[in-house]
Amino acid sequence: MSLSTANAKATRNVALLSVATATILIGVKAVAWKASGSVAILASLSDSCLDLVASLVTLFAVRYAQAPPDAEHRFGHGKAEAFSSLMQGGLVFASGALIGREAFHAFLNPRPVEHGVIGIVVMLISIALTLALITAQSRVLKATGSIAISGDRAHYAADLGSNAVALVGVAAASWLGLSWVDAAAGLIVALWLIWGAIGVFREASGQLMDHELPEEDRARILELATADPRILGVHQLRTRASGPYVHMQMHADLAADISLAEAHTIMVEAESRLLAAFPAADILIHPDPRGRAEPHGGLFSAPV
């Protein structure tokens, strides 16, 4: 079992694009913060530094997750993406906490924002670059379902909002003299990041705990599996995601009087239908003779 070459390449390329975007943003935001002393820009700069670390982790994770199964990892390496998302969530959460502390300190000790035009231009550039990256990540995510790219996109989506908030803070502080708005913008960014981190934790933990696929995917699997009238029913369907891979197993009811060879042919055809819809799937279908199959499969076969 292997991922399609096009999907694997697209995932790696968008991970590289994420690294490049974070690197550029760090450079321009560092210049803007040095010139302006804005807390909102400092918050955004700190976030971009963690973005770079997270993007590098994502790049490694998607490469490792795409490695085919081996003797030590018979189910593949897909959960490397979930671990990557957990690490991203932790970094973003820490970033939010540190930025919040800095913003609170700025409330107590307000200071003017200098060279506000530079800060505003930089934040506009940041918004444009981040929006372009999110668009590219969304296309790849739709094609591959990569949870590492999903986590990466989540914190860049939070960045998009935080950049907009920082833009408002810098503008208000430099043009209206409202320094407290800059501090408030930094605090909003911090809360935004923490909320985004919680969402990433939730998604990654669901995959690590082998949460079932969404109901629409399960319904599609059942529809494809039973498209052949010779399959009289499907039960004990179990599914889970592992990075770019999907694992599914089920029992299929067949007529009790058919040959083993015919049953095998029916199962192979069902697998082909499923693979057409889920190219990175690991599929196991157990045939049961209708009316003659005693309960079997142990604890995990019990109805849920």
Protein backbone atom coordinates (compact mmCIF):
# COMPACT_ATOMS: atom_id res chain seq x y z
CA MET A 1 0.00 0.00 0.00
CA SER A 2 1.37 3.44 -0.93
CA LEU A 3 0.15 6.96 -1.22
CA SER A 4 -0.36 8.37 -4.68
CA THR A 5 2.83 10.07 -5.85
CA ALA A 6 0.99 13.28 -6.67
CA ASN A 7 -0.59 13.57 -3.21
CA ALA A 8 2.67 12.78 -1.43
CA LYS A 9 4.55 15.37 -3.48
CA ALA A 10 1.84 17.99 -2.92
CA THR A 11 1.95 17.43 0.86
CA ARG A 12 5.75 17.77 0.97
CA ASN A 13 5.69 20.88 -1.23
CA VAL A 14 3.11 22.69 0.89
CA ALA A 15 5.11 21.80 4.03
CA LEU A 16 8.19 23.38 2.39
CA LEU A 17 6.11 26.42 1.45
CA SER A 18 5.07 26.72 5.10
CA VAL A 19 8.74 26.77 6.19
CA ALA A 20 9.60 29.40 3.59
CA THR A 21 6.63 31.60 4.55
CA ALA A 22 7.48 31.48 8.27
CA THR A 23 11.11 32.39 7.52
CA ILE A 24 10.11 35.43 5.45
CA LEU A 25 7.60 36.58 8.05
CA ILE A 26 10.17 36.36 10.85
CA GLY A 27 12.52 38.61 8.89
CA VAL A 28 10.02 41.34 8.06
CA LYS A 29 8.35 41.31 11.49
CA ALA A 30 11.72 41.53 13.26
CA VAL A 31 12.52 44.68 11.28
CA ALA A 32 9.09 46.16 12.03
CA TRP A 33 9.27 45.37 15.76
CA LYS A 34 12.79 46.82 16.05
CA ALA A 35 11.59 50.02 14.42
CA SER A 36 8.26 50.39 16.22
CA GLY A 37 8.54 48.67 19.61
CA SER A 38 4.94 47.49 19.17
CA VAL A 39 3.72 44.79 21.56
CA ALA A 40 1.26 43.55 18.95
CA ILE A 41 4.06 43.11 16.40
CA LEU A 42 6.26 41.45 19.04
CA ALA A 43 3.40 39.04 19.71
CA SER A 44 3.06 38.31 16.01
CA LEU A 45 6.86 37.92 15.65
CA SER A 46 7.00 35.44 18.53
CA ASP A 47 4.20 33.47 16.96
CA SER A 48 6.01 33.37 13.61
CA CYS A 49 9.16 32.04 15.31
CA LEU A 50 7.14 29.18 16.73
CA ASP A 51 5.46 28.77 13.35
CA LEU A 52 8.87 28.09 11.84
CA VAL A 53 9.61 25.40 14.43
CA ALA A 54 6.17 23.87 13.93
CA SER A 55 6.52 23.97 10.13
CA LEU A 56 9.89 22.20 10.32
CA VAL A 57 8.32 19.53 12.53
CA THR A 58 5.46 19.22 10.02
CA LEU A 59 7.91 18.83 7.14
CA PHE A 60 9.67 15.98 8.94
CA ALA A 61 6.39 14.38 10.01
CA VAL A 62 4.81 14.29 6.55
CA ARG A 63 7.98 12.78 5.08
CA TYR A 64 8.14 10.13 7.81
CA ALA A 65 4.39 9.41 7.72
CA GLN A 66 4.52 8.70 3.99
CA ALA A 67 7.09 5.93 4.45
CA PRO A 68 5.53 2.56 3.54
CA PRO A 69 4.87 -0.09 6.22
CA ASP A 70 7.92 -2.05 7.34
CA ALA A 71 8.65 -5.04 9.58
CA GLU A 72 8.43 -2.94 12.75
CA HIS A 73 5.47 -0.79 11.70
CA ARG A 74 3.01 -3.03 9.85
CA PHE A 75 0.30 -0.33 9.96
CA GLY A 76 2.63 2.31 8.51
CA HIS A 77 4.01 5.49 10.06
CA GLY A 78 0.96 7.72 9.66
CA LYS A 79 0.56 8.62 13.34
CA ALA A 80 3.76 10.66 13.10
CA GLU A 81 1.45 13.36 11.75
CA ALA A 82 -0.70 13.27 14.88
CA PHE A 83 2.38 13.57 17.10
CA SER A 84 3.45 16.52 14.95
CA SER A 85 0.08 18.18 15.51
CA LEU A 86 0.36 17.67 19.27
CA MET A 87 3.76 19.33 19.26
CA GLN A 88 2.39 22.20 17.17
CA GLY A 89 -0.47 22.65 19.60
CA GLY A 90 1.95 22.75 22.53
CA LEU A 91 4.14 25.37 20.85
CA VAL A 92 1.17 27.54 19.93
CA PHE A 93 -0.26 27.26 23.46
CA ALA A 94 3.10 28.27 24.96
CA SER A 95 3.33 31.16 22.51
CA GLY A 96 -0.13 32.38 23.54
CA ALA A 97 0.77 32.26 27.22
CA LEU A 98 4.03 34.19 26.76
CA ILE A 99 2.40 36.79 24.52
CA GLY A 100 -0.40 37.22 27.06
CA ARG A 101 2.13 37.93 29.78
CA GLU A 102 3.88 40.52 27.60
CA ALA A 103 0.57 42.17 26.73
CA PHE A 104 -0.44 42.38 30.41
CA HIS A 105 2.90 43.99 31.22
CA ALA A 106 2.29 46.52 28.42
CA PHE A 107 -1.06 47.40 29.98
CA LEU A 108 0.70 48.26 33.24
CA ASN A 109 3.57 50.08 31.52
CA PRO A 110 2.25 51.59 28.27
CA ARG A 111 4.75 52.95 25.78
CA PRO A 112 4.28 54.72 22.46
CA VAL A 113 4.52 52.91 19.14
CA GLU A 114 7.06 54.46 16.77
CA HIS A 115 7.31 54.24 12.97
CA GLY A 116 3.78 52.93 12.77
CA VAL A 117 3.74 53.03 8.96
CA ILE A 118 6.46 50.37 8.83
CA GLY A 119 4.47 48.18 11.19
CA ILE A 120 1.30 48.60 9.17
CA VAL A 121 3.04 47.73 5.89
CA VAL A 122 4.65 44.67 7.45
CA MET A 123 1.35 43.42 8.86
CA LEU A 124 -0.30 43.86 5.44
CA ILE A 125 2.50 41.81 3.87
CA SER A 126 2.06 39.17 6.60
CA ILE A 127 -1.67 38.96 5.95
CA ALA A 128 -1.14 38.53 2.19
CA LEU A 129 1.53 35.82 2.58
CA THR A 130 -0.42 33.95 5.25
CA LEU A 131 -3.60 34.02 3.17
CA ALA A 132 -1.73 32.63 0.15
CA LEU A 133 -0.26 29.81 2.27
CA ILE A 134 -3.63 28.89 3.81
CA THR A 135 -5.16 28.72 0.33
CA ALA A 136 -2.44 26.30 -0.80
CA GLN A 137 -2.77 24.23 2.38
CA SER A 138 -6.55 24.00 1.95
CA ARG A 139 -6.16 22.57 -1.56
CA VAL A 140 -3.67 19.95 -0.37
CA LEU A 141 -5.75 19.12 2.70
CA LYS A 142 -8.84 18.50 0.55
CA ALA A 143 -6.85 16.07 -1.61
CA THR A 144 -4.90 14.24 1.11
CA GLY A 145 -6.63 14.68 4.48
CA SER A 146 -3.21 15.10 6.14
CA ILE A 147 -3.67 15.87 9.84
CA ALA A 148 -0.18 17.43 10.01
CA ILE A 149 -1.11 19.90 7.27
CA SER A 150 -4.44 20.39 9.04
CA GLY A 151 -2.63 21.35 12.25
CA ASP A 152 -0.25 23.61 10.34
CA ARG A 153 -3.17 25.31 8.59
CA ALA A 154 -4.98 25.76 11.92
CA HIS A 155 -2.23 27.83 13.46
CA TYR A 156 -1.68 29.83 10.27
CA ALA A 157 -5.42 30.53 10.22
CA ALA A 158 -5.02 31.83 13.77
CA ASP A 159 -2.06 33.88 12.51
CA LEU A 160 -4.27 35.44 9.85
CA GLY A 161 -6.63 36.67 12.53
CA SER A 162 -3.81 37.71 14.84
CA ASN A 163 -2.13 39.70 12.06
CA ALA A 164 -5.38 41.56 11.45
CA VAL A 165 -5.73 42.31 15.17
CA ALA A 166 -2.10 43.42 15.35
CA LEU A 167 -2.70 45.71 12.37
CA VAL A 168 -5.57 47.42 14.22
CA GLY A 169 -3.45 47.74 17.37
CA VAL A 170 -0.47 49.31 15.58
CA ALA A 171 -2.68 51.71 13.62
CA ALA A 172 -4.56 52.86 16.72
CA ALA A 173 -1.39 53.27 18.77
CA SER A 174 0.62 55.13 16.11
CA TRP A 175 -2.07 57.35 14.57
CA LEU A 176 -4.44 57.91 17.50
CA GLY A 177 -1.93 57.68 20.34
CA LEU A 178 -3.91 54.89 22.01
CA SER A 179 -1.09 52.72 23.35
CA TRP A 180 -3.51 50.57 25.33
CA VAL A 181 -5.06 49.38 22.04
CA ASP A 182 -1.69 47.90 21.04
CA ALA A 183 -1.53 46.01 24.35
CA ALA A 184 -5.14 44.89 23.95
CA ALA A 185 -4.35 43.61 20.45
CA GLY A 186 -1.49 41.56 21.87
CA LEU A 187 -3.80 40.06 24.49
CA ILE A 188 -6.43 39.17 21.86
CA VAL A 189 -3.72 37.48 19.79
CA ALA A 190 -2.68 35.46 22.84
CA LEU A 191 -6.23 34.27 23.53
CA TRP A 192 -6.74 33.49 19.85
CA LEU A 193 -3.61 31.30 19.79
CA ILE A 194 -4.60 29.40 22.94
CA TRP A 195 -8.05 28.66 21.50
CA GLY A 196 -6.49 27.46 18.23
CA ALA A 197 -4.08 25.22 20.16
CA ILE A 198 -7.00 23.56 21.95
CA GLY A 199 -8.57 22.72 18.57
CA VAL A 200 -5.31 21.18 17.33
CA PHE A 201 -5.02 19.11 20.54
CA ARG A 202 -8.56 17.84 20.03
CA GLU A 203 -8.01 16.73 16.43
CA ALA A 204 -4.63 15.08 17.06
CA SER A 205 -5.81 13.23 20.18
CA GLY A 206 -8.81 11.90 18.25
CA GLN A 207 -6.49 10.27 15.74
CA LEU A 208 -4.11 8.94 18.38
CA MET A 209 -7.08 7.39 20.21
CA ASP A 210 -8.30 5.74 16.99
CA HIS A 211 -11.49 7.77 16.75
CA GLU A 212 -13.89 6.52 14.07
CA LEU A 213 -14.00 8.29 10.72
CA PRO A 214 -16.75 10.90 10.24
CA GLU A 215 -20.25 9.51 9.71
CA GLU A 216 -20.33 10.61 6.07
CA ASP A 217 -17.16 8.60 5.36
CA ARG A 218 -18.56 5.54 7.13
CA ALA A 219 -21.80 5.83 5.16
CA ARG A 220 -19.79 6.04 1.92
CA ILE A 221 -17.80 2.93 2.90
CA LEU A 222 -21.00 0.97 3.56
CA GLU A 223 -22.51 2.17 0.29
CA LEU A 224 -19.49 1.06 -1.73
CA ALA A 225 -19.08 -2.24 0.10
CA THR A 226 -22.70 -3.26 -0.52
CA ALA A 227 -22.89 -2.00 -4.12
CA ASP A 228 -22.57 -5.63 -5.25
CA PRO A 229 -25.91 -7.44 -4.69
CA ARG A 230 -23.97 -10.61 -3.85
CA ILE A 231 -22.91 -8.89 -0.61
CA LEU A 232 -26.05 -9.33 1.48
CA GLY A 233 -25.00 -7.03 4.31
CA VAL A 234 -22.07 -5.59 6.22
CA HIS A 235 -21.53 -5.58 9.99
CA GLN A 236 -18.76 -4.92 12.54
CA LEU A 237 -17.40 -2.02 10.48
CA ARG A 238 -14.43 -0.43 12.22
CA THR A 239 -12.47 2.53 10.88
CA ARG A 240 -9.67 4.82 11.95
CA ALA A 241 -7.28 7.32 10.44
CA SER A 242 -3.51 7.26 10.75
CA GLY A 243 -1.98 10.35 9.18
CA PRO A 244 -2.51 10.07 5.43
CA TYR A 245 -3.82 6.50 5.72
CA VAL A 246 -7.29 5.15 6.46
CA HIS A 247 -7.76 1.71 8.03
CA MET A 248 -11.09 -0.09 7.68
CA GLN A 249 -12.25 -3.60 8.47
CA MET A 250 -15.64 -5.23 8.30
CA HIS A 251 -17.54 -8.51 8.00
CA ALA A 252 -19.55 -9.10 4.83
CA ASP A 253 -22.51 -11.49 4.61
CA LEU A 254 -22.44 -13.80 1.57
CA ALA A 255 -24.63 -16.66 0.43
CA ALA A 256 -23.64 -19.78 2.38
CA ASP A 257 -23.47 -22.05 -0.68
CA ILE A 258 -20.89 -20.21 -2.82
CA SER A 259 -17.29 -21.41 -3.26
CA LEU A 260 -14.27 -19.96 -1.53
CA ALA A 261 -12.96 -18.78 -4.91
CA GLU A 262 -16.17 -16.88 -5.64
CA ALA A 263 -16.17 -15.33 -2.15
CA HIS A 264 -12.58 -14.21 -2.71
CA THR A 265 -13.51 -12.59 -6.02
CA ILE A 266 -16.40 -10.69 -4.42
CA MET A 267 -14.11 -9.42 -1.63
CA VAL A 268 -11.43 -8.25 -4.10
CA GLU A 269 -14.02 -6.38 -6.15
CA ALA A 270 -15.34 -4.69 -2.99
CA GLU A 271 -11.82 -3.68 -2.03
CA SER A 272 -11.28 -2.18 -5.50
CA ARG A 273 -14.41 -0.04 -5.15
CA LEU A 274 -13.26 1.20 -1.76
CA LEU A 275 -9.73 1.92 -2.94
CA ALA A 276 -11.10 4.02 -5.80
CA ALA A 277 -12.71 6.32 -3.22
CA PHE A 278 -10.03 5.98 -0.51
CA PRO A 279 -6.70 5.48 -2.37
CA ALA A 280 -4.60 5.37 0.83
CA ALA A 281 -6.79 2.78 2.56
CA ASP A 282 -5.77 -0.41 4.32
CA ILE A 283 -8.80 -2.72 3.92
CA LEU A 284 -9.69 -6.01 5.59
CA ILE A 285 -13.01 -7.69 4.76
CA HIS A 286 -14.00 -10.97 6.41
CA PRO A 287 -16.69 -13.00 4.56
CA ASP A 288 -19.42 -14.60 6.69
CA PRO A 289 -21.85 -17.25 5.38
CA ARG A 290 -25.33 -15.78 5.85
CA GLY A 291 -27.22 -17.72 8.53
CA ARG A 292 -24.29 -20.01 9.41
CA ALA A 293 -21.75 -17.70 11.07
CA GLU A 294 -21.50 -18.08 14.83
CA PRO A 295 -20.34 -15.06 16.90
CA HIS A 296 -16.58 -14.67 16.61
CA GLY A 297 -13.84 -12.06 16.83
CA GLY A 298 -13.51 -11.66 20.59
CA LEU A 299 -14.04 -8.46 22.58
CA PHE A 300 -13.77 -6.08 19.63
CA SER A 301 -16.53 -7.85 17.71
CA ALA A 302 -19.22 -6.95 20.26
CA PRO A 303 -21.94 -4.63 18.92
CA VAL A 304 -21.50 -0.94 19.78
